C-alpha atoms as a PDB file:
ATOM      1  CA  LYS A   1       0.007   0.009  -0.007  1.00  0.00           C
ATOM      2  CA  SER A   2       1.152   3.512  -0.751  1.00  0.00           C
ATOM      3  CA  ASP A   3      -0.438   6.286   1.351  1.00  0.00           C
ATOM      4  CA  ALA A   4       1.637   8.861  -0.608  1.00  0.00           C
ATOM      5  CA  LEU A   5      -0.499   8.181  -3.704  1.00  0.00           C
ATOM      6  CA  TYR A   6      -2.960  10.928  -2.726  1.00  0.00           C
ATOM      7  CA  ASP A   7      -0.327  13.485  -1.640  1.00  0.00           C
ATOM      8  CA  THR A   8       1.232  14.116  -5.032  1.00  0.00           C
ATOM      9  CA  ASN A   9      -0.093  16.707  -7.434  1.00  0.00           C
ATOM     10  CA  SER A  10       0.816  15.126 -10.713  1.00  0.00           C
ATOM     11  CA  PRO A  11      -0.686  13.309 -13.672  1.00  0.00           C
ATOM     12  CA  GLY A  12      -0.799   9.541 -13.607  1.00  0.00           C
ATOM     13  CA  SER A  13      -1.179   6.908 -10.953  1.00  0.00           C
ATOM     14  CA  ILE A  14       0.341   3.639  -9.827  1.00  0.00           C
ATOM     15  CA  ALA A  15      -0.471   0.603 -12.059  1.00  0.00           C
ATOM     16  CA  GLY A  16      -1.946  -2.350 -10.283  1.00  0.00           C
ATOM     17  CA  GLU A  17      -3.987  -5.458 -10.632  1.00  0.00           C
ATOM     18  CA  ALA A  18      -6.238  -7.715  -8.586  1.00  0.00           C
ATOM     19  CA  ALA A  19      -8.671 -10.518  -9.001  1.00  0.00           C
ATOM     20  CA  VAL A  20     -12.040 -10.864  -7.295  1.00  0.00           C
ATOM     21  CA  MET A  21     -14.805 -13.405  -7.345  1.00  0.00           C
ATOM     22  CA  PHE A  22     -18.396 -13.095  -6.207  1.00  0.00           C
ATOM     23  CA  ARG A  23     -21.257 -15.477  -5.791  1.00  0.00           C
ATOM     24  CA  VAL A  24     -24.373 -13.608  -6.737  1.00  0.00           C
ATOM     25  CA  ASP A  25     -27.889 -15.012  -6.471  1.00  0.00           C
ATOM     26  CA  ALA A  26     -31.430 -14.110  -5.456  1.00  0.00           C
ATOM     27  CA  ASN A  27     -31.216 -16.001  -2.168  1.00  0.00           C
ATOM     28  CA  LYS A  28     -31.010 -13.470   0.737  1.00  0.00           C
ATOM     29  CA  ASN A  29     -29.978 -16.132   3.253  1.00  0.00           C
ATOM     30  CA  ASP A  30     -26.345 -15.655   4.283  1.00  0.00           C
ATOM     31  CA  ALA A  31     -25.984 -12.614   2.035  1.00  0.00           C
ATOM     32  CA  ILE A  32     -23.327 -10.128   3.214  1.00  0.00           C
ATOM     33  CA  ALA A  33     -24.544  -7.252   1.026  1.00  0.00           C
ATOM     34  CA  LYS A  34     -27.057  -6.309  -1.607  1.00  0.00           C
ATOM     35  CA  VAL A  35     -26.110  -4.704  -4.917  1.00  0.00           C
ATOM     36  CA  VAL A  36     -29.046  -2.311  -5.283  1.00  0.00           C
ATOM     37  CA  ALA A  37     -28.069  -0.685  -8.604  1.00  0.00           C
ATOM     38  CA  VAL A  38     -25.276  -0.440 -11.194  1.00  0.00           C
ATOM     39  CA  ASP A  39     -24.868   2.160 -13.884  1.00  0.00           C
ATOM     40  CA  THR A  40     -22.118   3.409 -16.142  1.00  0.00           C
ATOM     41  CA  LEU A  41     -21.418   6.446 -18.257  1.00  0.00           C
ATOM     42  CA  HIS A  42     -18.930   6.957 -21.068  1.00  0.00           C
ATOM     43  CA  SER A  43     -18.105  10.700 -21.107  1.00  0.00           C
ATOM     44  CA  ARG A  44     -15.376  13.254 -20.461  1.00  0.00           C
ATOM     45  CA  ASN A  45     -17.915  15.927 -19.558  1.00  0.00           C
ATOM     46  CA  GLU A  46     -18.058  16.792 -15.851  1.00  0.00           C
ATOM     47  CA  GLU A  47     -21.599  18.108 -15.999  1.00  0.00           C
ATOM     48  CA  SER A  48     -22.783  14.777 -17.495  1.00  0.00           C
ATOM     49  CA  VAL A  49     -21.099  12.857 -14.760  1.00  0.00           C
ATOM     50  CA  GLN A  50     -22.585  15.095 -12.095  1.00  0.00           C
ATOM     51  CA  GLY A  51     -26.084  14.783 -13.608  1.00  0.00           C
ATOM     52  CA  LYS A  52     -25.818  10.998 -13.968  1.00  0.00           C
ATOM     53  CA  LEU A  53     -24.610  10.591 -10.412  1.00  0.00           C
ATOM     54  CA  THR A  54     -27.322  12.877  -8.953  1.00  0.00           C
ATOM     55  CA  GLN A  55     -30.003  10.992 -10.858  1.00  0.00           C
ATOM     56  CA  PHE A  56     -28.513   7.590  -9.862  1.00  0.00           C
ATOM     57  CA  ILE A  57     -28.709   8.486  -6.167  1.00  0.00           C
ATOM     58  CA  LYS A  58     -32.196   9.955  -6.476  1.00  0.00           C
ATOM     59  CA  THR A  59     -33.526   6.949  -8.389  1.00  0.00           C
ATOM     60  CA  HIS A  60     -31.972   4.138  -6.305  1.00  0.00           C
ATOM     61  CA  LEU A  61     -31.690   5.403  -2.755  1.00  0.00           C
ATOM     62  CA  PRO A  62     -34.872   4.800  -0.809  1.00  0.00           C
ATOM     63  CA  ALA A  63     -36.742   7.906   0.280  1.00  0.00           C
ATOM     64  CA  GLY A  64     -35.518   9.270   3.578  1.00  0.00           C
ATOM     65  CA  GLU A  65     -32.242   7.453   3.397  1.00  0.00           C
ATOM     66  CA  LYS A  66     -28.769   8.793   2.550  1.00  0.00           C
ATOM     67  CA  ILE A  67     -25.394   7.583   1.562  1.00  0.00           C
ATOM     68  CA  ASP A  68     -23.368   6.543   4.643  1.00  0.00           C
ATOM     69  CA  LEU A  69     -20.129   5.926   2.729  1.00  0.00           C
ATOM     70  CA  LEU A  70     -18.655   7.026  -0.577  1.00  0.00           C
ATOM     71  CA  LEU A  71     -16.084   4.466  -1.617  1.00  0.00           C
ATOM     72  CA  SER A  72     -14.022   6.423  -4.089  1.00  0.00           C
ATOM     73  CA  GLY A  73     -11.754   5.122  -6.784  1.00  0.00           C
ATOM     74  CA  GLU A  74      -9.616   8.250  -6.361  1.00  0.00           C
ATOM     75  CA  ASN A  75      -6.182   7.378  -7.784  1.00  0.00           C
ATOM     76  CA  GLY A  76      -3.916  10.368  -7.253  1.00  0.00           C
ATOM     77  CA  ASP A  77      -4.076  11.535 -10.894  1.00  0.00           C
ATOM     78  CA  ASN A  78      -4.644  15.324 -10.731  1.00  0.00           C
ATOM     79  CA  ARG A  79      -6.257  15.244 -14.191  1.00  0.00           C
ATOM     80  CA  LEU A  80      -9.158  13.246 -12.789  1.00  0.00           C
ATOM     81  CA  GLN A  81      -9.609  14.839  -9.387  1.00  0.00           C
ATOM     82  CA  SER A  82     -12.532  16.991 -10.513  1.00  0.00           C
ATOM     83  CA  PHE A  83     -14.633  13.845 -11.108  1.00  0.00           C
ATOM     84  CA  PHE A  84     -13.900  12.549  -7.588  1.00  0.00           C
ATOM     85  CA  ASN A  85     -14.729  15.981  -6.190  1.00  0.00           C
ATOM     86  CA  ILE A  86     -18.111  15.703  -7.925  1.00  0.00           C
ATOM     87  CA  ALA A  87     -18.737  12.344  -6.241  1.00  0.00           C
ATOM     88  CA  GLU A  88     -17.667  13.720  -2.867  1.00  0.00           C
ATOM     89  CA  ALA A  89     -20.119  16.631  -3.179  1.00  0.00           C
ATOM     90  CA  ALA A  90     -22.966  14.232  -4.123  1.00  0.00           C
ATOM     91  CA  ALA A  91     -22.163  12.100  -1.045  1.00  0.00           C
ATOM     92  CA  ASP A  92     -23.549  14.931   1.073  1.00  0.00           C
ATOM     93  CA  GLY A  93     -21.847  14.477   4.420  1.00  0.00           C
ATOM     94  CA  ALA A  94     -21.128  10.779   4.088  1.00  0.00           C
ATOM     95  CA  ALA A  95     -17.836   9.278   5.126  1.00  0.00           C
ATOM     96  CA  ILE A  96     -15.323   9.054   2.254  1.00  0.00           C
ATOM     97  CA  ALA A  97     -12.893   6.190   1.826  1.00  0.00           C
ATOM     98  CA  ARG A  98     -10.403   5.337  -0.922  1.00  0.00           C
ATOM     99  CA  PHE A  99      -8.918   2.063  -2.014  1.00  0.00           C
ATOM    100  CA  LYS A 100      -6.490   2.470  -4.926  1.00  0.00           C
ATOM    101  CA  HIS A 101      -3.493   2.942  -2.646  1.00  0.00           C
ATOM    102  CA  MET A 102      -3.963  -0.818  -1.974  1.00  0.00           C
ATOM    103  CA  SER A 103      -4.672  -2.043  -5.449  1.00  0.00           C
ATOM    104  CA  GLY A 104      -3.310   0.510  -7.922  1.00  0.00           C
ATOM    105  CA  GLU A 105      -5.088   1.644 -11.073  1.00  0.00           C
ATOM    106  CA  TYR A 106      -6.283  -0.787 -13.721  1.00  0.00           C
ATOM    107  CA  PRO A 107      -9.340  -1.156 -16.028  1.00  0.00           C
ATOM    108  CA  THR A 108     -11.407  -3.388 -13.700  1.00  0.00           C
ATOM    109  CA  ALA A 109     -10.504  -1.781 -10.363  1.00  0.00           C
ATOM    110  CA  THR A 110     -14.214  -1.241  -9.732  1.00  0.00           C
ATOM    111  CA  ALA A 111     -14.476  -5.003  -8.983  1.00  0.00           C
ATOM    112  CA  MET A 112     -11.975  -4.564  -6.190  1.00  0.00           C
ATOM    113  CA  GLY A 113     -13.998  -1.616  -4.933  1.00  0.00           C
ATOM    114  CA  LEU A 114     -17.173  -3.680  -4.939  1.00  0.00           C
ATOM    115  CA  TRP A 115     -15.500  -6.451  -2.961  1.00  0.00           C
ATOM    116  CA  LEU A 116     -14.353  -3.861  -0.413  1.00  0.00           C
ATOM    117  CA  ALA A 117     -17.852  -2.253  -0.243  1.00  0.00           C
ATOM    118  CA  CYS A 118     -19.370  -5.708   0.536  1.00  0.00           C
ATOM    119  CA  ASN A 119     -16.824  -6.330   3.235  1.00  0.00           C
ATOM    120  CA  ILE A 120     -17.274  -2.903   4.783  1.00  0.00           C
ATOM    121  CA  ILE A 121     -20.989  -3.549   5.017  1.00  0.00           C
ATOM    122  CA  GLN A 122     -20.475  -6.940   6.450  1.00  0.00           C
ATOM    123  CA  GLN A 123     -17.884  -5.888   9.038  1.00  0.00           C
ATOM    124  CA  GLN A 124     -19.280  -2.402   9.625  1.00  0.00           C
ATOM    125  CA  SER A 125     -15.681  -1.112   9.731  1.00  0.00           C
ATOM    126  CA  MET A 126     -12.641  -0.548   7.492  1.00  0.00           C
ATOM    127  CA  PRO A 127      -8.957   0.097   8.035  1.00  0.00           C
ATOM    128  CA  SER A 128      -8.216   3.673   9.044  1.00  0.00           C
ATOM    129  CA  HIS A 129      -5.796   4.119   6.156  1.00  0.00           C
ATOM    130  CA  MET A 130      -8.731   3.998   3.760  1.00  0.00           C
ATOM    131  CA  ILE A 131     -10.608   6.930   5.397  1.00  0.00           C
ATOM    132  CA  LYS A 132     -10.309  10.302   3.767  1.00  0.00           C
ATOM    133  CA  LYS A 133     -13.135  11.914   5.720  1.00  0.00           C
ATOM    134  CA  GLN A 134     -15.238  10.804   8.643  1.00  0.00           C
ATOM    135  CA  GLY A 135     -18.980  10.931   8.106  1.00  0.00           C
ATOM    136  CA  SER A 136     -21.911  11.722  10.353  1.00  0.00           C
ATOM    137  CA  SER A 137     -23.081   8.094  10.599  1.00  0.00           C
ATOM    138  CA  SER A 138     -21.251   5.307  12.461  1.00  0.00           C
ATOM    139  CA  ALA A 139     -23.091   2.564  10.508  1.00  0.00           C
ATOM    140  CA  TYR A 140     -22.635   1.699   6.854  1.00  0.00           C
ATOM    141  CA  LYS A 141     -26.027   0.857   5.477  1.00  0.00           C
ATOM    142  CA  ASN A 142     -25.784   2.471   2.024  1.00  0.00           C
ATOM    143  CA  VAL A 143     -22.412   2.540   0.294  1.00  0.00           C
ATOM    144  CA  LEU A 144     -21.928   4.371  -3.029  1.00  0.00           C
ATOM    145  CA  LEU A 145     -18.981   3.140  -5.034  1.00  0.00           C
ATOM    146  CA  TYR A 146     -17.812   5.617  -7.704  1.00  0.00           C
ATOM    147  CA  ASN A 147     -14.905   4.994 -10.019  1.00  0.00           C
ATOM    148  CA  THR A 148     -13.561   6.399 -13.242  1.00  0.00           C
ATOM    149  CA  TYR A 149     -11.003   4.875 -15.552  1.00  0.00           C
ATOM    150  CA  LYS A 150      -9.022   7.460 -17.546  1.00  0.00           C
ATOM    151  CA  GLY A 151     -11.715  10.071 -16.959  1.00  0.00           C
ATOM    152  CA  ILE A 152     -13.988   8.589 -19.611  1.00  0.00           C
ATOM    153  CA  GLN A 153     -15.450   5.400 -18.174  1.00  0.00           C
ATOM    154  CA  HIS A 154     -17.461   6.082 -14.996  1.00  0.00           C
ATOM    155  CA  SER A 155     -19.194   3.515 -12.834  1.00  0.00           C
ATOM    156  CA  PHE A 156     -21.747   3.962 -10.086  1.00  0.00           C
ATOM    157  CA  ILE A 157     -22.715   1.109  -7.756  1.00  0.00           C
ATOM    158  CA  LEU A 158     -25.090   1.315  -4.775  1.00  0.00           C
ATOM    159  CA  VAL A 159     -24.516  -1.455  -2.192  1.00  0.00           C
ATOM    160  CA  SER A 160     -26.632  -1.857   0.935  1.00  0.00           C
ATOM    161  CA  LEU A 161     -27.295  -4.131   3.847  1.00  0.00           C
ATOM    162  CA  PRO A 162     -29.083  -7.264   2.606  1.00  0.00           C
END
Protein backbone atom coordinates (compact mmCIF):
# COMPACT_ATOMS: atom_id res chain seq x y z
CA LYS A 1 0.00 0.00 0.00
CA SER A 2 1.15 3.52 -0.74
CA ASP A 3 -0.44 6.29 1.34
CA ALA A 4 1.63 8.86 -0.61
CA LEU A 5 -0.49 8.19 -3.70
CA TYR A 6 -2.94 10.93 -2.73
CA ASP A 7 -0.32 13.47 -1.64
CA THR A 8 1.25 14.11 -5.03
CA ASN A 9 -0.09 16.72 -7.43
CA SER A 10 0.83 15.11 -10.70
CA PRO A 11 -0.69 13.31 -13.66
CA GLY A 12 -0.80 9.54 -13.62
CA SER A 13 -1.18 6.90 -10.98
CA ILE A 14 0.33 3.62 -9.83
CA ALA A 15 -0.46 0.64 -12.04
CA GLY A 16 -1.94 -2.36 -10.29
CA GLU A 17 -3.99 -5.48 -10.61
CA ALA A 18 -6.24 -7.71 -8.59
CA ALA A 19 -8.69 -10.53 -9.00
CA VAL A 20 -12.05 -10.84 -7.30
CA MET A 21 -14.81 -13.40 -7.35
CA PHE A 22 -18.39 -13.12 -6.21
CA ARG A 23 -21.26 -15.49 -5.81
CA VAL A 24 -24.40 -13.63 -6.75
CA ASP A 25 -27.91 -15.02 -6.48
CA ALA A 26 -31.43 -14.07 -5.46
CA ASN A 27 -31.23 -16.00 -2.16
CA LYS A 28 -31.02 -13.49 0.72
CA ASN A 29 -29.98 -16.14 3.25
CA ASP A 30 -26.35 -15.66 4.27
CA ALA A 31 -25.98 -12.60 2.02
CA ILE A 32 -23.35 -10.13 3.21
CA ALA A 33 -24.55 -7.25 1.03
CA LYS A 34 -27.06 -6.30 -1.63
CA VAL A 35 -26.12 -4.71 -4.94
CA VAL A 36 -29.04 -2.30 -5.30
CA ALA A 37 -28.09 -0.69 -8.61
CA VAL A 38 -25.29 -0.43 -11.17
CA ASP A 39 -24.86 2.18 -13.88
CA THR A 40 -22.11 3.41 -16.16
CA LEU A 41 -21.40 6.45 -18.26
CA HIS A 42 -18.93 6.97 -21.09
CA SER A 43 -18.11 10.70 -21.11
CA ARG A 44 -15.38 13.23 -20.45
CA ASN A 45 -17.95 15.91 -19.55
CA GLU A 46 -18.05 16.79 -15.84
CA GLU A 47 -21.62 18.11 -16.01
CA SER A 48 -22.78 14.81 -17.53
CA VAL A 49 -21.09 12.86 -14.74
CA GLN A 50 -22.59 15.12 -12.09
CA GLY A 51 -26.07 14.80 -13.60
CA LYS A 52 -25.82 11.02 -13.96
CA LEU A 53 -24.60 10.60 -10.39
CA THR A 54 -27.30 12.87 -8.96
CA GLN A 55 -29.99 10.99 -10.87
CA PHE A 56 -28.51 7.61 -9.88
CA ILE A 57 -28.70 8.48 -6.18
CA LYS A 58 -32.18 9.98 -6.48
CA THR A 59 -33.51 6.96 -8.39
CA HIS A 60 -32.00 4.16 -6.34
CA LEU A 61 -31.69 5.40 -2.77
CA PRO A 62 -34.89 4.79 -0.80
CA ALA A 63 -36.77 7.91 0.28
CA GLY A 64 -35.54 9.28 3.59
CA GLU A 65 -32.20 7.44 3.40
CA LYS A 66 -28.78 8.80 2.57
CA ILE A 67 -25.37 7.58 1.54
CA ASP A 68 -23.37 6.54 4.61
CA LEU A 69 -20.10 5.95 2.76
CA LEU A 70 -18.65 7.01 -0.57
CA LEU A 71 -16.06 4.46 -1.60
CA SER A 72 -14.03 6.43 -4.08
CA GLY A 73 -11.74 5.13 -6.80
CA GLU A 74 -9.60 8.25 -6.37
CA ASN A 75 -6.19 7.37 -7.77
CA GLY A 76 -3.90 10.37 -7.25
CA ASP A 77 -4.08 11.52 -10.89
CA ASN A 78 -4.65 15.29 -10.72
CA ARG A 79 -6.25 15.25 -14.20
CA LEU A 80 -9.16 13.21 -12.79
CA GLN A 81 -9.61 14.84 -9.38
CA SER A 82 -12.55 16.98 -10.52
CA PHE A 83 -14.62 13.82 -11.10
CA PHE A 84 -13.90 12.56 -7.59
CA ASN A 85 -14.74 15.99 -6.19
CA ILE A 86 -18.15 15.72 -7.91
CA ALA A 87 -18.74 12.35 -6.24
CA GLU A 88 -17.68 13.71 -2.85
CA ALA A 89 -20.13 16.62 -3.18
CA ALA A 90 -22.94 14.21 -4.13
CA ALA A 91 -22.18 12.09 -1.04
CA ASP A 92 -23.56 14.97 1.05
CA GLY A 93 -21.84 14.50 4.42
CA ALA A 94 -21.14 10.77 4.09
CA ALA A 95 -17.84 9.27 5.12
CA ILE A 96 -15.34 9.06 2.26
CA ALA A 97 -12.90 6.20 1.82
CA ARG A 98 -10.41 5.34 -0.94
CA PHE A 99 -8.90 2.04 -2.03
CA LYS A 100 -6.48 2.46 -4.93
CA HIS A 101 -3.48 2.92 -2.64
CA MET A 102 -3.95 -0.80 -1.96
CA SER A 103 -4.67 -2.06 -5.46
CA GLY A 104 -3.31 0.51 -7.92
CA GLU A 105 -5.08 1.64 -11.08
CA TYR A 106 -6.30 -0.80 -13.73
CA PRO A 107 -9.35 -1.14 -16.02
CA THR A 108 -11.40 -3.38 -13.72
CA ALA A 109 -10.50 -1.78 -10.36
CA THR A 110 -14.22 -1.25 -9.72
CA ALA A 111 -14.48 -4.99 -8.99
CA MET A 112 -11.96 -4.58 -6.17
CA GLY A 113 -14.00 -1.61 -4.91
CA LEU A 114 -17.18 -3.69 -4.95
CA TRP A 115 -15.50 -6.45 -2.97
CA LEU A 116 -14.36 -3.86 -0.42
CA ALA A 117 -17.85 -2.27 -0.24
CA CYS A 118 -19.38 -5.67 0.52
CA ASN A 119 -16.80 -6.36 3.21
CA ILE A 120 -17.24 -2.92 4.79
CA ILE A 121 -21.00 -3.51 4.99
CA GLN A 122 -20.49 -6.97 6.45
CA GLN A 123 -17.87 -5.89 9.03
CA GLN A 124 -19.27 -2.38 9.62
CA SER A 125 -15.70 -1.14 9.70
CA MET A 126 -12.67 -0.55 7.53
CA PRO A 127 -8.95 0.07 8.01
CA SER A 128 -8.20 3.66 9.05
CA HIS A 129 -5.77 4.13 6.15
CA MET A 130 -8.74 4.00 3.76
CA ILE A 131 -10.60 6.91 5.39
CA LYS A 132 -10.30 10.30 3.74
CA LYS A 133 -13.11 11.93 5.73
CA GLN A 134 -15.25 10.77 8.64
CA GLY A 135 -19.00 10.95 8.11
CA SER A 136 -21.91 11.72 10.35
CA SER A 137 -23.04 8.08 10.59
CA SER A 138 -21.23 5.32 12.45
CA ALA A 139 -23.07 2.58 10.52
CA TYR A 140 -22.63 1.71 6.86
CA LYS A 141 -26.06 0.86 5.49
CA ASN A 142 -25.78 2.46 2.02
CA VAL A 143 -22.41 2.54 0.27
CA LEU A 144 -21.93 4.37 -3.02
CA LEU A 145 -18.98 3.15 -5.05
CA TYR A 146 -17.80 5.63 -7.68
CA ASN A 147 -14.91 4.99 -10.01
CA THR A 148 -13.57 6.39 -13.24
CA TYR A 149 -10.99 4.90 -15.54
CA LYS A 150 -9.02 7.45 -17.54
CA GLY A 151 -11.72 10.06 -16.96
CA ILE A 152 -13.99 8.61 -19.62
CA GLN A 153 -15.44 5.40 -18.16
CA HIS A 154 -17.48 6.08 -15.01
CA SER A 155 -19.19 3.50 -12.82
CA PHE A 156 -21.77 3.98 -10.08
CA ILE A 157 -22.73 1.12 -7.76
CA LEU A 158 -25.05 1.32 -4.77
CA VAL A 159 -24.51 -1.44 -2.20
CA SER A 160 -26.60 -1.83 0.95
CA LEU A 161 -27.27 -4.13 3.85
CA PRO A 162 -29.09 -7.27 2.62
